[in-house]
Protein backbone atom coordinates (compact mmCIF):
# COMPACT_ATOMS: atom_id res chain seq x y z
CA MET A 1 101.64 145.63 203.51
CA ASP A 2 103.49 148.75 202.55
CA GLU A 3 102.42 151.33 199.94
CA GLU A 4 104.33 149.62 197.11
CA GLU A 5 102.56 146.30 197.63
CA THR A 6 99.05 147.71 197.84
CA GLY A 7 99.32 150.05 194.85
CA VAL A 8 96.89 152.90 194.38
CA MET A 9 93.36 152.48 195.62
CA ALA A 10 90.65 154.19 193.61
CA LYS A 11 87.43 155.46 195.11
CA MET A 12 84.38 154.95 192.92
CA SER A 13 81.44 157.27 193.41
CA PHE A 14 77.93 156.23 192.47
CA GLU A 15 76.78 159.82 192.65
CA ASP A 16 77.65 160.09 188.97
CA ALA A 17 74.45 159.39 187.01
CA ALA A 18 76.34 157.65 184.19
CA THR A 19 77.83 155.17 186.65
CA ARG A 20 74.48 154.46 188.30
CA TYR A 21 72.84 153.68 184.98
CA GLY A 22 75.45 151.28 183.65
CA ALA A 23 78.05 153.45 181.91
CA GLU A 24 81.71 152.91 182.59
CA PRO A 25 83.14 155.44 185.03
CA GLY A 26 84.62 158.29 183.04
CA GLY A 27 81.93 158.26 180.34
CA GLY A 28 82.55 154.97 178.51
CA ALA A 29 79.90 152.79 176.87
CA PRO A 30 77.17 151.33 179.09
CA THR A 31 77.89 147.93 180.61
CA LYS A 32 74.21 147.17 181.29
CA VAL A 33 71.00 147.79 179.41
CA LYS A 34 67.36 147.45 180.37
CA ILE A 35 65.43 144.66 178.64
CA THR A 36 61.69 144.11 179.05
CA PHE A 37 60.31 140.59 178.84
CA VAL A 38 56.54 140.36 178.36
CA ASP A 39 55.09 136.95 179.14
CA SER A 40 52.26 135.28 177.23
CA GLN A 41 49.76 136.67 179.75
CA GLY A 42 50.95 140.25 179.15
CA GLN A 43 52.94 140.73 182.37
CA ALA A 44 56.06 142.84 181.73
CA ARG A 45 59.30 142.44 183.66
CA THR A 46 62.13 144.90 183.07
CA VAL A 47 65.59 143.68 184.05
CA GLU A 48 69.21 144.64 183.42
CA GLY A 49 71.28 142.68 180.95
CA GLU A 50 75.05 142.79 180.82
CA VAL A 51 76.58 143.97 177.56
CA GLY A 52 78.26 141.01 175.88
CA SER A 53 75.91 138.41 177.33
CA THR A 54 72.84 137.14 175.47
CA VAL A 55 69.20 137.99 175.98
CA MET A 56 68.69 134.34 176.98
CA GLU A 57 71.40 134.55 179.67
CA THR A 58 69.74 137.72 180.94
CA ALA A 59 66.40 135.90 181.16
CA ARG A 60 67.90 132.99 183.09
CA ARG A 61 69.81 135.23 185.50
CA ASN A 62 66.59 137.07 186.28
CA ASP A 63 64.26 134.05 186.53
CA ILE A 64 62.12 135.14 183.59
CA PRO A 65 59.29 132.62 183.16
CA GLU A 66 58.57 130.94 179.82
CA ILE A 67 62.25 130.87 178.76
CA ALA A 68 63.30 127.24 179.22
CA ALA A 69 66.70 127.51 177.48
CA GLU A 70 67.21 123.75 177.70
CA CYS A 71 70.41 123.69 175.62
CA GLY A 72 71.98 126.52 177.61
CA GLY A 73 72.43 128.79 174.61
CA ALA A 74 73.89 126.40 172.02
CA CYS A 75 71.15 127.12 169.45
CA ALA A 76 70.13 123.47 169.63
CA CYS A 77 66.62 123.40 171.11
CA ALA A 78 64.35 126.39 170.28
CA THR A 79 63.22 126.70 173.93
CA CYS A 80 64.27 130.35 174.23
CA HIS A 81 61.94 131.51 171.46
CA VAL A 82 60.77 135.13 171.73
CA TYR A 83 58.93 137.64 169.60
CA VAL A 84 61.02 140.77 169.11
CA ASP A 85 58.93 143.93 169.38
CA GLU A 86 58.45 145.49 165.94
CA ASN A 87 60.43 148.60 166.97
CA TRP A 88 63.49 146.45 167.69
CA ILE A 89 63.63 144.08 164.72
CA GLU A 90 66.19 146.10 162.79
CA LYS A 91 68.47 146.62 165.82
CA THR A 92 68.46 142.95 166.83
CA GLY A 93 69.29 141.88 163.29
CA LYS A 94 68.25 138.90 161.22
CA ALA A 95 68.39 135.30 162.32
CA SER A 96 71.25 133.20 160.97
CA GLN A 97 70.47 130.16 158.83
CA MET A 98 71.18 127.89 161.82
CA GLU A 99 68.77 129.89 163.99
CA GLU A 100 66.09 129.79 161.27
CA ASP A 101 66.51 126.02 161.07
CA MET A 102 65.98 125.72 164.84
CA LEU A 103 62.94 127.98 164.71
CA ASP A 104 61.30 125.25 162.60
CA PHE A 105 60.92 123.39 165.93
CA ALA A 106 59.47 126.36 167.83
CA PHE A 107 55.80 126.91 168.69
CA ASP A 108 53.79 129.55 166.80
CA VAL A 109 56.65 131.06 164.79
CA LYS A 110 56.04 134.57 163.45
CA PRO A 111 58.10 136.89 161.22
CA ASN A 112 59.55 138.57 164.34
CA SER A 113 60.50 135.26 166.02
CA ARG A 114 64.04 134.88 167.31
CA LEU A 115 65.92 132.57 169.63
CA CYS A 116 67.08 134.89 172.37
CA CYS A 117 70.28 132.88 172.85
CA GLN A 118 71.31 134.34 169.50
CA ILE A 119 70.74 138.00 170.41
CA THR A 120 73.81 139.57 172.01
CA VAL A 121 73.17 142.37 174.48
CA ARG A 122 74.70 145.59 173.12
CA PRO A 123 74.41 149.22 174.28
CA GLU A 124 72.12 150.02 171.34
CA LEU A 125 69.60 147.49 172.68
CA GLU A 126 68.81 149.69 175.71
CA GLY A 127 65.04 149.34 176.16
CA LEU A 128 64.65 146.15 174.07
CA VAL A 129 61.23 144.53 174.38
CA VAL A 130 60.60 140.85 173.69
CA THR A 131 57.51 138.71 174.30
CA THR A 132 57.46 135.01 175.06
CA PRO A 133 55.06 132.59 173.34
CA ALA A 134 52.52 130.58 175.33
CA GLN A 135 54.76 127.50 175.11
CA GLN A 136 58.31 126.65 174.12
CA GLY A 137 59.62 123.98 171.79
């Protein structure tokens, strides 16, 4: 291949702290955020979630226990029920009417209950903490 066919190759350096911690090269918004899942026994697992995905998808990609997610994120089963930490309730927003209807089928629903398939990972959720109930569905 000659130079015209290959185009310009860019070298990406991970020495830049912003790049290492999920920001776009050049100072853009983060592409990953840290989310902590606390299981019903109190064990915390902090993982990275991709901006634009859901908290449920993040749990499944990272083999988080106690998140069954049987419907795959269609808000049709209530098996991705979590308790949003009190400090994060405002940032995660309120449940939609459809989500509230599905929560009627969840175990031990509390005021901070959410279906994590309905929480979209956004840069402002860096550090989000959710806890799973003792059982799903």
